[in-house]
Amino acid sequence: MIINKNEIVKKHCYTKLVYGRINKKLKSNFSNEESEALIKKVLEESPLENYIKKGKNFYISNEEHHIKITINSSTFSVITVDKL
């Protein structure tokens, strides 16, 4: 399966609940805008080989930022962010 990185970068979106989950998982206190900026930056900077589709989700890992982003592959909603 071919993953379209540009489509993920362009279409990814957020639910109201995910902002709290991001701060909880990263032990941070980002504003919604700061969370969105970080995720967009990581999605843009991560090489295509760090984009993995498993089941119904995309997993994007970034060693430089030490995080893994989980995105639903059909809705492009950010589900969670984990520390690596």
C-alpha atoms as a PDB file:
ATOM      1  CA  MET A   1       0.000   0.000   0.000  1.00  0.00           C
ATOM      2  CA  ILE A   2       1.277   3.440  -0.948  1.00  0.00           C
ATOM      3  CA  ILE A   3       0.951   6.122   1.725  1.00  0.00           C
ATOM      4  CA  ASN A   4       0.299   9.657   0.495  1.00  0.00           C
ATOM      5  CA  LYS A   5       2.201  11.820   2.985  1.00  0.00           C
ATOM      6  CA  ASN A   6       0.988  15.085   1.416  1.00  0.00           C
ATOM      7  CA  GLU A   7      -2.636  13.998   1.799  1.00  0.00           C
ATOM      8  CA  ILE A   8      -2.103  13.235   5.495  1.00  0.00           C
ATOM      9  CA  VAL A   9      -0.321  16.572   6.078  1.00  0.00           C
ATOM     10  CA  LYS A  10      -3.103  18.450   4.288  1.00  0.00           C
ATOM     11  CA  LYS A  11      -6.174  16.590   5.614  1.00  0.00           C
ATOM     12  CA  HIS A  12      -5.266  15.800   9.233  1.00  0.00           C
ATOM     13  CA  CYS A  13      -7.726  17.266  11.731  1.00  0.00           C
ATOM     14  CA  TYR A  14      -8.512  17.320  15.429  1.00  0.00           C
ATOM     15  CA  THR A  15     -11.386  16.484  17.764  1.00  0.00           C
ATOM     16  CA  LYS A  16     -12.062  18.577  20.865  1.00  0.00           C
ATOM     17  CA  LEU A  17     -10.900  15.740  23.125  1.00  0.00           C
ATOM     18  CA  VAL A  18      -7.542  15.125  21.468  1.00  0.00           C
ATOM     19  CA  TYR A  19      -5.906  18.327  22.757  1.00  0.00           C
ATOM     20  CA  GLY A  20      -6.211  17.191  26.371  1.00  0.00           C
ATOM     21  CA  ARG A  21      -4.971  13.734  25.420  1.00  0.00           C
ATOM     22  CA  ILE A  22      -1.899  15.215  23.694  1.00  0.00           C
ATOM     23  CA  ASN A  23      -0.999  17.271  26.778  1.00  0.00           C
ATOM     24  CA  LYS A  24      -1.575  14.301  29.091  1.00  0.00           C
ATOM     25  CA  LYS A  25       0.540  11.893  27.018  1.00  0.00           C
ATOM     26  CA  LEU A  26       3.363  14.391  26.462  1.00  0.00           C
ATOM     27  CA  LYS A  27       3.150  15.778  30.011  1.00  0.00           C
ATOM     28  CA  SER A  28       2.844  19.263  28.506  1.00  0.00           C
ATOM     29  CA  ASN A  29       0.531  22.251  28.695  1.00  0.00           C
ATOM     30  CA  PHE A  30       0.294  23.286  25.036  1.00  0.00           C
ATOM     31  CA  SER A  31      -2.489  25.508  23.764  1.00  0.00           C
ATOM     32  CA  ASN A  32      -4.590  24.021  20.947  1.00  0.00           C
ATOM     33  CA  GLU A  33      -2.619  26.124  18.463  1.00  0.00           C
ATOM     34  CA  GLU A  34       0.725  24.950  19.871  1.00  0.00           C
ATOM     35  CA  SER A  35      -0.403  21.301  19.648  1.00  0.00           C
ATOM     36  CA  GLU A  36      -1.501  21.788  16.039  1.00  0.00           C
ATOM     37  CA  ALA A  37       1.769  23.535  15.129  1.00  0.00           C
ATOM     38  CA  LEU A  38       3.848  20.724  16.668  1.00  0.00           C
ATOM     39  CA  ILE A  39       1.881  17.991  14.908  1.00  0.00           C
ATOM     40  CA  LYS A  40       2.005  19.780  11.554  1.00  0.00           C
ATOM     41  CA  LYS A  41       5.768  20.316  11.927  1.00  0.00           C
ATOM     42  CA  VAL A  42       6.354  16.646  12.801  1.00  0.00           C
ATOM     43  CA  LEU A  43       4.171  15.437   9.903  1.00  0.00           C
ATOM     44  CA  GLU A  44       6.025  17.681   7.445  1.00  0.00           C
ATOM     45  CA  GLU A  45       9.519  16.843   8.743  1.00  0.00           C
ATOM     46  CA  SER A  46       9.099  13.076   9.157  1.00  0.00           C
ATOM     47  CA  PRO A  47      10.405  11.073   6.199  1.00  0.00           C
ATOM     48  CA  LEU A  48       7.929   8.875   4.314  1.00  0.00           C
ATOM     49  CA  GLU A  49       9.585   5.714   5.672  1.00  0.00           C
ATOM     50  CA  ASN A  50       8.421   6.809   9.171  1.00  0.00           C
ATOM     51  CA  TYR A  51       4.789   6.705   7.998  1.00  0.00           C
ATOM     52  CA  ILE A  52       3.296   3.268   8.667  1.00  0.00           C
ATOM     53  CA  LYS A  53      -0.260   2.094   8.069  1.00  0.00           C
ATOM     54  CA  LYS A  54      -1.351  -0.662  10.423  1.00  0.00           C
ATOM     55  CA  GLY A  55      -5.014  -1.662  10.519  1.00  0.00           C
ATOM     56  CA  LYS A  56      -7.178   1.442  10.357  1.00  0.00           C
ATOM     57  CA  ASN A  57      -4.498   3.894  11.527  1.00  0.00           C
ATOM     58  CA  PHE A  58      -1.408   5.692  10.338  1.00  0.00           C
ATOM     59  CA  TYR A  59       1.534   5.821  12.751  1.00  0.00           C
ATOM     60  CA  ILE A  60       4.097   8.558  12.195  1.00  0.00           C
ATOM     61  CA  SER A  61       7.290   8.377  14.265  1.00  0.00           C
ATOM     62  CA  ASN A  62       9.799  11.183  14.654  1.00  0.00           C
ATOM     63  CA  GLU A  63      13.024  10.561  16.568  1.00  0.00           C
ATOM     64  CA  GLU A  64      14.047  14.232  16.580  1.00  0.00           C
ATOM     65  CA  HIS A  65      10.891  15.259  18.443  1.00  0.00           C
ATOM     66  CA  HIS A  66      10.659  11.909  20.297  1.00  0.00           C
ATOM     67  CA  ILE A  67       6.980  11.378  19.468  1.00  0.00           C
ATOM     68  CA  LYS A  68       4.695   9.039  17.558  1.00  0.00           C
ATOM     69  CA  ILE A  69       1.441  10.399  16.131  1.00  0.00           C
ATOM     70  CA  THR A  70      -1.553   8.122  15.536  1.00  0.00           C
ATOM     71  CA  ILE A  71      -4.021   9.239  12.842  1.00  0.00           C
ATOM     72  CA  ASN A  72      -7.208   7.499  11.702  1.00  0.00           C
ATOM     73  CA  SER A  73      -6.693   6.495   8.061  1.00  0.00           C
ATOM     74  CA  SER A  74     -10.283   7.114   6.948  1.00  0.00           C
ATOM     75  CA  THR A  75     -11.120  10.386   8.756  1.00  0.00           C
ATOM     76  CA  PHE A  76      -7.548  11.745   9.132  1.00  0.00           C
ATOM     77  CA  SER A  77      -8.378  12.648  12.747  1.00  0.00           C
ATOM     78  CA  VAL A  78      -5.424  12.768  15.106  1.00  0.00           C
ATOM     79  CA  ILE A  79      -6.133  10.080  17.717  1.00  0.00           C
ATOM     80  CA  THR A  80      -3.191  10.460  20.060  1.00  0.00           C
ATOM     81  CA  VAL A  81       0.472  11.336  20.403  1.00  0.00           C
ATOM     82  CA  ASP A  82       2.914   9.169  22.369  1.00  0.00           C
ATOM     83  CA  LYS A  83       6.459   9.772  23.576  1.00  0.00           C
ATOM     84  CA  LEU A  84       9.096   7.549  21.991  1.00  0.00           C
END
